[in-house]
N, C-alpha and C. Protein backbone atom coordinates (compact mmCIF):
# COMPACT_ATOMS: atom_id res chain seq x y z
N MET A 1 19.33 -33.65 -64.35
CA MET A 1 20.69 -34.08 -63.98
C MET A 1 20.62 -33.12 -62.53
N THR A 2 21.69 -33.76 -61.62
CA THR A 2 21.52 -32.64 -60.71
C THR A 2 21.76 -31.76 -60.19
N ASP A 3 20.74 -30.43 -59.64
CA ASP A 3 21.99 -29.04 -59.78
C ASP A 3 23.70 -29.17 -59.66
N ASP A 4 24.19 -30.44 -58.56
CA ASP A 4 25.30 -29.96 -58.59
C ASP A 4 26.18 -30.00 -59.79
N LYS A 5 26.00 -31.90 -60.61
CA LYS A 5 26.12 -32.13 -61.61
C LYS A 5 26.19 -31.72 -62.56
N ARG A 6 24.69 -30.12 -62.96
CA ARG A 6 24.61 -29.15 -64.49
C ARG A 6 25.79 -28.62 -63.73
N LEU A 7 25.87 -28.06 -62.38
CA LEU A 7 26.90 -26.56 -62.11
C LEU A 7 28.41 -27.56 -62.69
N ILE A 8 28.81 -28.54 -62.76
CA ILE A 8 30.31 -29.17 -62.72
C ILE A 8 30.43 -29.09 -64.02
N THR A 9 29.58 -29.23 -64.92
CA THR A 9 29.27 -29.72 -66.25
C THR A 9 29.63 -28.44 -66.77
N ASP A 10 28.80 -27.78 -66.43
CA ASP A 10 28.78 -25.86 -67.25
C ASP A 10 30.40 -25.14 -66.86
N CYS A 11 30.75 -25.45 -65.27
CA CYS A 11 32.46 -25.44 -64.90
C CYS A 11 33.64 -26.05 -66.11
N LEU A 12 33.02 -27.20 -66.19
CA LEU A 12 33.85 -27.75 -67.14
C LEU A 12 33.41 -26.74 -68.48
N LYS A 13 32.71 -26.38 -68.67
CA LYS A 13 32.45 -26.22 -70.39
C LYS A 13 32.78 -24.65 -70.40
N GLY A 14 33.42 -24.52 -68.99
CA GLY A 14 33.80 -22.98 -69.15
C GLY A 14 33.13 -22.26 -69.33
N LYS A 15 32.04 -21.99 -68.66
CA LYS A 15 30.95 -20.66 -68.27
C LYS A 15 31.14 -20.15 -66.92
N LEU A 16 31.44 -19.23 -67.55
CA LEU A 16 31.88 -17.63 -65.99
C LEU A 16 30.75 -17.92 -65.00
N SER A 17 29.15 -18.01 -65.16
CA SER A 17 28.29 -17.89 -65.00
C SER A 17 28.44 -19.01 -63.93
N ALA A 18 28.33 -19.88 -64.68
CA ALA A 18 28.78 -21.44 -63.73
C ALA A 18 29.29 -21.72 -62.12
N GLN A 19 30.81 -20.74 -62.68
CA GLN A 19 32.03 -20.66 -61.80
C GLN A 19 31.27 -19.41 -60.63
N ARG A 20 30.61 -18.62 -61.21
CA ARG A 20 30.43 -17.52 -60.26
C ARG A 20 29.33 -18.12 -59.27
N GLU A 21 28.65 -19.23 -59.79
CA GLU A 21 27.65 -19.84 -59.24
C GLU A 21 28.00 -20.55 -57.73
N LEU A 22 29.08 -21.73 -58.43
CA LEU A 22 29.57 -22.55 -57.71
C LEU A 22 30.81 -21.53 -56.67
N TYR A 23 31.24 -20.85 -56.86
CA TYR A 23 31.86 -19.54 -55.90
C TYR A 23 30.76 -19.49 -54.69
N GLU A 24 29.97 -18.51 -55.45
CA GLU A 24 29.13 -18.22 -54.55
C GLU A 24 28.09 -19.27 -53.49
N LYS A 25 27.42 -20.36 -54.26
CA LYS A 25 27.13 -21.59 -53.28
C LYS A 25 27.76 -21.87 -52.54
N TYR A 26 29.96 -22.05 -52.53
CA TYR A 26 30.47 -22.00 -51.18
C TYR A 26 31.32 -21.78 -50.63
N ALA A 27 31.74 -20.10 -51.37
CA ALA A 27 32.22 -19.49 -50.55
C ALA A 27 32.37 -19.26 -49.30
N GLY A 28 30.87 -18.94 -49.01
CA GLY A 28 30.94 -18.25 -47.30
C GLY A 28 31.00 -20.07 -46.27
N THR A 29 30.71 -20.51 -46.76
CA THR A 29 31.07 -21.27 -46.15
C THR A 29 32.91 -22.06 -45.77
N MET A 30 33.07 -22.15 -46.68
CA MET A 30 34.95 -22.65 -46.98
C MET A 30 35.30 -21.35 -46.43
N LEU A 31 35.09 -19.93 -46.34
CA LEU A 31 35.69 -19.36 -45.98
C LEU A 31 36.18 -19.16 -44.61
N GLY A 32 34.95 -19.86 -43.42
CA GLY A 32 34.47 -20.37 -42.43
C GLY A 32 36.03 -20.95 -41.75
N VAL A 33 36.40 -22.86 -43.21
CA VAL A 33 36.65 -23.23 -42.56
C VAL A 33 38.54 -22.84 -43.02
N CYS A 34 38.79 -22.19 -43.96
CA CYS A 34 39.48 -21.22 -44.11
C CYS A 34 40.00 -20.31 -43.26
N PHE A 35 39.26 -20.12 -41.96
CA PHE A 35 39.77 -18.52 -41.23
C PHE A 35 40.22 -19.65 -39.89
N ARG A 36 39.26 -20.79 -39.48
CA ARG A 36 39.65 -22.01 -38.50
C ARG A 36 41.43 -22.16 -38.50
N TYR A 37 41.78 -21.79 -39.76
CA TYR A 37 43.03 -22.15 -39.95
C TYR A 37 44.48 -21.18 -40.06
N THR A 38 43.74 -20.16 -40.30
CA THR A 38 44.71 -19.21 -40.36
C THR A 38 44.57 -17.91 -38.51
N ARG A 39 45.06 -16.93 -38.54
CA ARG A 39 44.45 -16.46 -38.04
C ARG A 39 43.94 -14.85 -38.07
N SER A 40 43.77 -14.47 -39.52
CA SER A 40 43.51 -13.44 -40.27
C SER A 40 42.53 -13.59 -41.04
N LEU A 41 41.47 -12.54 -41.37
CA LEU A 41 40.80 -12.73 -42.87
C LEU A 41 41.36 -12.42 -43.70
N PRO A 42 42.18 -11.57 -43.58
CA PRO A 42 42.65 -11.19 -45.32
C PRO A 42 43.59 -12.69 -45.47
N ASP A 43 44.35 -13.86 -44.59
CA ASP A 43 44.56 -14.62 -44.96
C ASP A 43 44.05 -15.52 -45.31
N ALA A 44 42.47 -16.06 -44.79
CA ALA A 44 41.91 -17.24 -45.05
C ALA A 44 41.32 -16.70 -46.50
N GLU A 45 40.99 -15.32 -46.41
CA GLU A 45 40.62 -14.83 -48.29
C GLU A 45 41.78 -15.16 -49.06
N ASP A 46 42.88 -15.48 -48.81
CA ASP A 46 43.71 -15.67 -49.30
C ASP A 46 43.86 -17.39 -50.07
N VAL A 47 43.41 -17.78 -49.07
CA VAL A 47 43.84 -19.48 -49.23
C VAL A 47 42.65 -19.95 -49.45
N LEU A 48 41.46 -18.74 -49.31
CA LEU A 48 39.52 -19.61 -50.22
C LEU A 48 39.98 -19.33 -51.71
N GLN A 49 40.72 -18.33 -52.07
CA GLN A 49 41.16 -17.67 -53.50
C GLN A 49 41.80 -19.18 -54.26
N GLU A 50 43.16 -19.67 -53.67
CA GLU A 50 43.51 -20.88 -54.65
C GLU A 50 43.26 -21.07 -54.16
N GLY A 51 42.69 -21.91 -52.80
CA GLY A 51 41.29 -23.03 -53.13
C GLY A 51 40.78 -23.14 -54.00
N PHE A 52 40.14 -21.95 -54.33
CA PHE A 52 38.68 -22.23 -56.20
C PHE A 52 39.53 -22.58 -56.89
N VAL A 53 40.90 -21.57 -57.11
CA VAL A 53 42.07 -21.98 -58.19
C VAL A 53 41.73 -23.53 -58.55
N LYS A 54 42.16 -23.89 -57.66
CA LYS A 54 42.36 -25.34 -56.85
C LYS A 54 41.03 -26.28 -57.60
N VAL A 55 40.30 -26.09 -57.08
CA VAL A 55 38.43 -26.77 -57.34
C VAL A 55 38.36 -26.72 -58.75
N TYR A 56 38.68 -25.46 -59.49
CA TYR A 56 38.04 -25.42 -60.65
C TYR A 56 38.82 -26.08 -61.69
N ASN A 57 40.53 -26.07 -61.06
CA ASN A 57 41.30 -26.46 -61.93
C ASN A 57 41.26 -28.38 -62.24
N LYS A 58 40.73 -29.20 -60.72
CA LYS A 58 40.77 -30.73 -60.33
C LYS A 58 39.00 -30.84 -59.90
N LEU A 59 38.22 -29.92 -61.01
CA LEU A 59 36.57 -30.31 -61.31
C LEU A 59 36.47 -31.34 -61.55
N GLY A 60 36.91 -32.05 -63.17
CA GLY A 60 37.05 -33.17 -63.73
C GLY A 60 37.40 -34.14 -63.01
N GLN A 61 38.39 -34.14 -62.03
CA GLN A 61 38.43 -35.24 -61.34
C GLN A 61 37.06 -35.76 -60.34
N PHE A 62 36.58 -35.05 -59.86
CA PHE A 62 34.88 -35.24 -58.91
C PHE A 62 33.65 -35.97 -59.41
N LYS A 63 33.89 -37.33 -58.81
CA LYS A 63 33.61 -38.95 -58.97
C LYS A 63 32.06 -38.59 -58.87
N PHE A 64 31.74 -37.66 -58.40
CA PHE A 64 30.33 -37.97 -57.71
C PHE A 64 30.04 -39.00 -56.84
N GLU A 65 31.09 -39.00 -55.71
CA GLU A 65 30.83 -40.49 -54.55
C GLU A 65 30.46 -39.95 -53.47
N GLY A 66 30.81 -38.53 -53.50
CA GLY A 66 30.08 -38.13 -52.36
C GLY A 66 30.00 -36.43 -52.69
N GLU A 67 29.57 -35.73 -51.43
CA GLU A 67 28.84 -34.23 -51.38
C GLU A 67 30.10 -33.69 -52.06
N LEU A 68 29.97 -33.00 -53.04
CA LEU A 68 30.23 -31.44 -53.79
C LEU A 68 31.02 -30.52 -53.22
N GLY A 69 30.37 -30.60 -51.73
CA GLY A 69 30.79 -29.70 -50.86
C GLY A 69 31.87 -30.25 -49.98
N GLY A 70 31.85 -31.54 -49.37
CA GLY A 70 32.57 -32.48 -49.15
C GLY A 70 34.31 -32.17 -49.85
N TRP A 71 34.37 -32.45 -50.47
CA TRP A 71 35.38 -32.98 -51.71
C TRP A 71 35.43 -30.99 -51.83
N ILE A 72 34.94 -30.06 -51.81
CA ILE A 72 35.55 -29.03 -52.08
C ILE A 72 36.42 -28.50 -50.46
N ARG A 73 35.63 -28.76 -49.53
CA ARG A 73 36.63 -28.79 -47.82
C ARG A 73 37.52 -29.59 -48.14
N ARG A 74 37.62 -30.95 -48.33
CA ARG A 74 39.16 -31.21 -48.26
C ARG A 74 40.13 -30.57 -48.99
N ILE A 75 39.40 -29.89 -50.03
CA ILE A 75 40.98 -29.00 -51.31
C ILE A 75 41.17 -27.95 -50.35
N MET A 76 39.97 -26.96 -49.25
CA MET A 76 40.48 -25.53 -49.00
C MET A 76 41.19 -26.18 -47.44
N VAL A 77 40.90 -27.64 -46.62
CA VAL A 77 41.72 -27.77 -45.63
C VAL A 77 43.37 -27.81 -46.05
N THR A 78 43.17 -29.04 -46.58
CA THR A 78 44.91 -28.95 -47.79
C THR A 78 45.36 -27.58 -47.93
N THR A 79 44.49 -26.71 -48.41
CA THR A 79 45.21 -25.04 -49.11
C THR A 79 45.77 -24.96 -47.45
N ALA A 80 45.00 -24.71 -46.90
CA ALA A 80 44.66 -24.12 -45.78
C ALA A 80 46.32 -24.35 -44.77
N LEU A 81 46.07 -25.97 -45.17
CA LEU A 81 47.54 -26.00 -44.17
C LEU A 81 48.85 -25.99 -45.04
N ASN A 82 48.93 -26.20 -46.06
CA ASN A 82 49.88 -25.85 -47.00
C ASN A 82 50.21 -24.14 -47.03
N PHE A 83 49.35 -23.57 -47.08
CA PHE A 83 49.40 -22.22 -46.69
C PHE A 83 50.62 -21.66 -45.46
N LEU A 84 49.89 -22.40 -43.98
CA LEU A 84 50.81 -22.87 -43.31
C LEU A 84 52.01 -22.75 -43.24
N LYS A 85 52.11 -24.19 -43.70
CA LYS A 85 53.58 -24.41 -43.92
C LYS A 85 54.18 -23.14 -44.93
N LYS A 86 54.23 -22.94 -45.63
CA LYS A 86 54.71 -22.08 -46.41
C LYS A 86 54.56 -20.79 -46.25
N ASN A 87 54.77 -20.65 -44.81
CA ASN A 87 54.22 -19.19 -44.27
C ASN A 87 55.05 -18.93 -43.20
N LYS A 88 56.09 -18.66 -43.40
CA LYS A 88 56.96 -18.38 -41.96
C LYS A 88 56.13 -17.45 -40.47
N ARG A 89 55.27 -16.33 -40.63
CA ARG A 89 55.03 -16.27 -39.21
C ARG A 89 53.42 -17.68 -39.22
N TYR A 90 53.89 -18.38 -39.81
CA TYR A 90 53.10 -19.78 -39.23
C TYR A 90 53.61 -20.84 -38.67
N GLN A 91 54.97 -20.69 -39.46
CA GLN A 91 55.52 -21.31 -38.95
C GLN A 91 56.18 -21.77 -37.14
N THR A 92 56.43 -20.68 -37.33
CA THR A 92 56.96 -20.46 -35.80
C THR A 92 56.13 -20.91 -34.45
N GLU A 93 55.21 -20.77 -35.34
CA GLU A 93 53.77 -20.89 -34.17
C GLU A 93 53.54 -22.89 -33.87
N MET A 94 53.55 -23.56 -35.02
CA MET A 94 53.08 -25.20 -34.93
C MET A 94 54.60 -25.59 -33.89
N PHE A 95 54.15 -26.03 -32.56
CA PHE A 95 54.50 -27.19 -31.84
C PHE A 95 54.54 -28.45 -32.09
N PHE A 96 55.24 -29.40 -32.53
CA PHE A 96 55.14 -30.72 -32.49
C PHE A 96 56.62 -31.28 -32.36
N THR A 97 57.34 -30.38 -31.03
CA THR A 97 58.53 -31.24 -30.56
C THR A 97 58.14 -31.97 -29.01
N GLU A 98 58.94 -32.93 -28.67
CA GLU A 98 58.92 -33.57 -27.07
C GLU A 98 57.98 -32.82 -26.10
N GLU A 99 58.86 -31.00 -26.13
CA GLU A 99 58.39 -30.35 -24.81
C GLU A 99 57.19 -29.38 -24.63
N TYR A 100 56.22 -30.32 -26.39
CA TYR A 100 54.80 -29.25 -25.37
C TYR A 100 53.75 -30.66 -26.03
N MET A 101 54.40 -32.02 -25.49
CA MET A 101 53.45 -33.45 -25.40
C MET A 101 53.46 -33.54 -23.69
N HIS A 102 51.92 -34.00 -24.41
CA HIS A 102 51.49 -34.11 -22.44
C HIS A 102 50.16 -35.79 -22.81
N PRO A 103 50.66 -36.15 -22.06
CA PRO A 103 49.94 -37.41 -22.11
C PRO A 103 48.18 -37.42 -22.09
N VAL A 104 47.55 -38.16 -22.77
CA VAL A 104 46.71 -37.85 -22.83
C VAL A 104 45.71 -38.78 -21.97
N THR A 105 43.94 -37.56 -21.83
CA THR A 105 43.68 -38.10 -20.60
C THR A 105 42.02 -38.51 -21.12
N ASN A 106 41.58 -39.21 -20.33
CA ASN A 106 40.97 -39.56 -20.29
C ASN A 106 39.02 -38.66 -19.81
N ASP A 107 39.62 -37.94 -19.42
CA ASP A 107 38.04 -37.11 -19.23
C ASP A 107 37.25 -36.56 -20.28
N ASN A 108 35.64 -36.27 -20.24
CA ASN A 108 35.15 -36.11 -21.03
C ASN A 108 34.00 -35.04 -20.99
N PRO A 109 34.40 -33.52 -20.54
CA PRO A 109 33.75 -32.93 -20.10
C PRO A 109 32.13 -32.92 -21.45
N GLU A 110 30.99 -32.75 -20.99
CA GLU A 110 30.12 -32.65 -21.69
C GLU A 110 29.59 -30.37 -21.64
N ILE A 111 29.91 -29.98 -22.55
CA ILE A 111 29.97 -28.67 -22.36
C ILE A 111 29.08 -27.84 -23.45
N ASN A 112 28.19 -26.47 -22.77
CA ASN A 112 26.91 -26.14 -23.74
C ASN A 112 27.27 -24.14 -23.51
N MET A 113 27.55 -24.20 -24.65
CA MET A 113 28.17 -22.84 -24.88
C MET A 113 27.91 -22.43 -26.36
N GLU A 114 28.00 -21.27 -26.44
CA GLU A 114 27.68 -20.82 -27.95
C GLU A 114 28.80 -21.61 -29.31
N ALA A 115 28.18 -21.39 -30.37
CA ALA A 115 28.87 -22.45 -30.59
C ALA A 115 30.48 -21.25 -30.85
N LYS A 116 30.03 -19.82 -31.34
CA LYS A 116 30.54 -18.70 -31.45
C LYS A 116 31.61 -18.65 -30.53
N GLU A 117 31.44 -18.59 -29.21
CA GLU A 117 32.28 -18.77 -28.30
C GLU A 117 33.59 -19.74 -28.45
N ILE A 118 33.17 -21.08 -28.69
CA ILE A 118 33.87 -22.22 -28.47
C ILE A 118 34.94 -21.82 -29.92
N ALA A 119 34.15 -21.37 -30.63
CA ALA A 119 35.25 -21.03 -32.21
C ALA A 119 36.19 -20.26 -31.74
N GLY A 120 36.14 -19.05 -30.61
CA GLY A 120 36.38 -18.02 -30.45
C GLY A 120 38.06 -18.56 -30.16
N LEU A 121 37.07 -19.44 -28.88
CA LEU A 121 38.36 -19.84 -27.87
C LEU A 121 39.54 -20.94 -28.54
N ILE A 122 38.98 -22.05 -29.43
CA ILE A 122 39.72 -22.29 -30.40
C ILE A 122 40.50 -21.73 -31.06
N ARG A 123 40.41 -20.54 -31.51
CA ARG A 123 41.55 -19.46 -32.25
C ARG A 123 41.98 -19.07 -31.22
N GLN A 124 42.07 -19.33 -30.09
CA GLN A 124 43.77 -18.84 -29.30
C GLN A 124 44.44 -18.96 -28.85
N LEU A 125 44.29 -20.49 -29.35
CA LEU A 125 45.51 -21.97 -28.91
C LEU A 125 46.70 -21.25 -29.78
N PRO A 126 47.74 -21.85 -29.66
CA PRO A 126 48.67 -21.87 -30.17
C PRO A 126 48.56 -22.45 -31.38
N GLN A 127 48.69 -22.06 -32.78
CA GLN A 127 48.84 -22.42 -33.78
C GLN A 127 48.37 -24.12 -34.12
N GLY A 128 49.62 -24.89 -33.52
CA GLY A 128 49.91 -26.26 -34.24
C GLY A 128 49.16 -26.69 -33.04
N TYR A 129 48.53 -26.47 -32.18
CA TYR A 129 47.55 -26.83 -31.35
C TYR A 129 45.89 -27.28 -31.80
N GLN A 130 45.51 -25.66 -33.02
CA GLN A 130 44.29 -25.39 -33.11
C GLN A 130 44.40 -26.65 -34.64
N VAL A 131 45.83 -26.25 -35.39
CA VAL A 131 45.39 -27.61 -36.70
C VAL A 131 44.94 -29.00 -36.65
N ILE A 132 45.26 -29.04 -34.92
CA ILE A 132 45.90 -30.71 -34.96
C ILE A 132 44.25 -30.25 -34.15
N PHE A 133 43.39 -29.85 -33.27
CA PHE A 133 42.30 -29.79 -32.71
C PHE A 133 41.09 -29.47 -33.89
N ASN A 134 40.89 -28.67 -34.98
CA ASN A 134 40.47 -28.40 -36.21
C ASN A 134 40.50 -29.64 -36.51
N LEU A 135 41.92 -30.02 -37.32
CA LEU A 135 41.77 -31.37 -38.21
C LEU A 135 40.98 -32.84 -37.19
N HIS A 136 40.93 -32.74 -36.41
CA HIS A 136 40.60 -34.52 -35.31
C HIS A 136 39.13 -34.07 -35.44
N ALA A 137 38.81 -32.83 -33.88
CA ALA A 137 37.58 -32.97 -33.68
C ALA A 137 36.58 -32.07 -35.09
N VAL A 138 37.20 -31.12 -35.38
CA VAL A 138 35.78 -30.10 -36.46
C VAL A 138 35.84 -31.10 -37.92
N GLU A 139 37.15 -31.27 -38.44
CA GLU A 139 37.21 -32.19 -40.02
C GLU A 139 36.54 -33.60 -39.72
N GLY A 140 37.03 -34.51 -38.43
CA GLY A 140 37.06 -35.53 -38.80
C GLY A 140 37.91 -37.03 -39.04
N TYR A 141 39.36 -35.64 -39.42
CA TYR A 141 40.68 -36.58 -39.47
C TYR A 141 40.99 -37.70 -38.66
N SER A 142 41.42 -38.94 -38.73
CA SER A 142 41.35 -39.39 -37.51
C SER A 142 43.57 -39.45 -37.37
N HIS A 143 43.79 -39.73 -35.93
CA HIS A 143 45.59 -38.88 -35.24
C HIS A 143 46.96 -39.74 -36.93
N VAL A 144 46.51 -40.88 -37.09
CA VAL A 144 47.20 -41.14 -38.28
C VAL A 144 47.12 -40.50 -39.59
N GLU A 145 46.00 -40.10 -39.82
CA GLU A 145 45.97 -39.48 -41.71
C GLU A 145 46.80 -37.89 -40.98
N ILE A 146 46.04 -37.04 -39.77
CA ILE A 146 46.97 -35.99 -39.22
C ILE A 146 48.42 -36.22 -39.12
N GLY A 147 48.60 -36.89 -38.89
CA GLY A 147 50.40 -37.58 -38.94
C GLY A 147 51.21 -37.70 -40.05
N GLN A 148 50.21 -38.12 -41.05
CA GLN A 148 50.95 -38.00 -42.47
C GLN A 148 50.30 -37.06 -42.89
N ILE A 149 49.86 -36.82 -42.81
CA ILE A 149 49.28 -34.65 -43.36
C ILE A 149 50.19 -33.39 -43.25
N LEU A 150 50.57 -33.80 -41.67
CA LEU A 150 51.66 -32.62 -41.19
C LEU A 150 52.88 -33.65 -40.97
N GLY A 151 53.43 -35.02 -41.31
CA GLY A 151 55.08 -35.53 -40.98
C GLY A 151 54.83 -35.42 -39.88
N ILE A 152 53.64 -35.97 -38.96
CA ILE A 152 54.35 -35.71 -37.28
C ILE A 152 53.93 -37.34 -37.00
N SER A 153 54.18 -38.06 -35.76
CA SER A 153 54.17 -39.35 -35.88
C SER A 153 52.33 -38.91 -34.74
N ASP A 154 51.49 -40.41 -35.04
CA ASP A 154 50.00 -39.73 -34.85
C ASP A 154 50.13 -39.70 -33.48
N SER A 155 51.89 -40.44 -32.63
CA SER A 155 51.25 -40.07 -30.84
C SER A 155 51.67 -38.54 -31.02
N THR A 156 52.15 -37.89 -31.54
CA THR A 156 52.35 -36.43 -31.31
C THR A 156 50.93 -35.76 -31.65
N SER A 157 50.21 -36.68 -32.46
CA SER A 157 48.85 -35.64 -33.30
C SER A 157 48.18 -35.97 -31.88
N ARG A 158 48.36 -37.33 -31.43
CA ARG A 158 47.46 -37.63 -30.07
C ARG A 158 47.32 -36.68 -28.99
N SER A 159 49.30 -36.38 -28.40
CA SER A 159 49.18 -35.57 -27.90
C SER A 159 48.92 -33.99 -28.01
N GLN A 160 49.22 -33.77 -28.78
CA GLN A 160 48.40 -32.10 -28.70
C GLN A 160 46.85 -32.11 -28.88
N TYR A 161 46.40 -33.11 -29.47
CA TYR A 161 44.73 -32.50 -29.38
C TYR A 161 44.40 -33.11 -27.98
N ALA A 162 45.20 -33.91 -27.31
CA ALA A 162 44.90 -33.60 -25.59
C ALA A 162 45.08 -32.47 -25.22
N ARG A 163 46.45 -31.81 -25.59
CA ARG A 163 46.26 -31.09 -24.43
C ARG A 163 45.72 -29.63 -25.24
N ALA A 164 45.33 -29.59 -26.27
CA ALA A 164 44.51 -28.68 -27.13
C ALA A 164 43.19 -28.54 -26.50
N ARG A 165 42.78 -29.95 -26.34
CA ARG A 165 41.35 -29.85 -25.62
C ARG A 165 41.94 -29.72 -23.87
N ALA A 166 42.99 -30.28 -23.73
CA ALA A 166 43.05 -30.01 -21.74
C ALA A 166 42.67 -28.15 -21.49
N VAL A 167 43.93 -27.77 -22.82
CA VAL A 167 44.01 -26.01 -22.73
C VAL A 167 42.46 -25.06 -22.68
N LEU A 168 41.52 -26.06 -23.59
CA LEU A 168 40.40 -25.35 -23.51
C LEU A 168 39.06 -25.80 -22.41
N VAL A 169 39.64 -26.78 -21.72
CA VAL A 169 38.36 -26.85 -20.86
C VAL A 169 38.88 -26.67 -19.30
N SER A 170 40.44 -25.48 -19.76
CA SER A 170 40.81 -24.68 -18.15
C SER A 170 40.37 -23.90 -18.76
N TRP A 171 40.21 -23.10 -19.84
CA TRP A 171 40.07 -21.53 -20.30
C TRP A 171 38.43 -21.72 -20.55
N ILE A 172 37.52 -22.97 -20.44
CA ILE A 172 35.95 -22.90 -20.06
C ILE A 172 35.53 -22.44 -18.80
N LYS A 173 36.30 -23.50 -18.10
CA LYS A 173 35.73 -24.00 -16.29
C LYS A 173 36.56 -22.38 -15.95
N THR A 174 37.19 -21.70 -16.36
CA THR A 174 37.50 -20.71 -15.65
C THR A 174 36.65 -19.31 -15.91
N LEU A 175 35.98 -19.46 -17.99
CA LEU A 175 34.58 -18.46 -17.92
C LEU A 175 33.58 -19.11 -17.03
N GLN A 176 33.64 -20.79 -16.92
CA GLN A 176 32.39 -20.62 -16.05
C GLN A 176 32.54 -20.04 -14.60
N GLU A 177 33.74 -20.07 -13.71
CA GLU A 177 33.44 -19.35 -13.26
C GLU A 177 33.27 -17.79 -12.72
N GLU A 178 34.41 -17.13 -13.93
CA GLU A 178 33.73 -15.71 -14.28
C GLU A 178 32.40 -15.20 -13.90
N ARG A 179 31.99 -15.96 -14.80
CA ARG A 179 30.44 -16.02 -14.87
C ARG A 179 29.56 -16.95 -14.25
N LEU A 180 29.40 -17.30 -12.97
CA LEU A 180 29.05 -17.66 -11.83
C LEU A 180 28.87 -16.54 -11.16
N ALA A 181 30.44 -15.94 -10.90
CA ALA A 181 30.76 -15.40 -10.31
C ALA A 181 29.91 -13.87 -10.44
N ASN A 182 29.61 -13.29 -11.76
CA ASN A 182 28.69 -12.95 -12.31
C ASN A 182 27.93 -12.97 -12.52
N ASN A 183 26.80 -13.86 -11.92
CA ASN A 183 26.15 -14.79 -12.46
C ASN A 183 25.45 -14.82 -13.71
N GLU A 184 26.02 -15.11 -14.37
CA GLU A 184 26.18 -14.98 -15.55
C GLU A 184 25.58 -16.90 -16.07
N THR A 185 25.10 -17.18 -17.11
CA THR A 185 25.07 -18.58 -16.99
C THR A 185 25.57 -19.79 -18.07
N LEU A 186 26.21 -20.25 -18.06
CA LEU A 186 27.25 -21.16 -18.91
C LEU A 186 27.35 -22.84 -18.13
N THR A 187 27.00 -23.39 -18.67
CA THR A 187 26.86 -25.16 -18.49
C THR A 187 27.72 -25.72 -18.84
N TYR A 188 28.28 -26.70 -17.79
CA TYR A 188 29.91 -27.19 -17.90
C TYR A 188 29.69 -28.54 -16.86
N VAL A 189 29.42 -29.10 -17.60
CA VAL A 189 28.57 -31.03 -16.49
C VAL A 189 30.27 -31.69 -17.11
N GLY A 190 31.29 -32.85 -16.27
CA GLY A 190 32.09 -32.91 -16.41
C GLY A 190 32.87 -33.40 -15.27
N LYS A 191 33.90 -33.83 -15.60
CA LYS A 191 34.92 -33.76 -14.15
C LYS A 191 36.04 -32.82 -14.05
């Protein structure tokens, strides 16, 4: 029996040691997922806890058709999005109106930066842009799926993603100029 299968079986039997082991195995990674969608570590921790409650409650539904970590990730993303929808502080930042839509561009810059720096820039995006950027670029959802999840059109998702990407590219170019002026290194290749 694989480690995950044994772990799930023991969790379903109500073994607290197995539940703790499952949590410890995935909590660090999933906290990072939750943090990508929230504005604070305490909010991310709240989402993580709520997400793990859902994981434990739905564990019997896991079909072993993919990786357990991927299945847990989907629950965490859904939990984070539900958190954003019901939290008034986040609702005011979700920009899905025509005034924030921009045409999709075809530029495809290749950027070499530290992952931590890029993650920091993504976190500075307006919440709506950040959510769509994370769902598409990081989680791999299609724009049709994002539209269904967020209750927006796929063209709105595409436009918001393009705008988020354009803002990130602009910020990276600014960083490049600042670092070049200070004789620091940052590689940016593209249009």
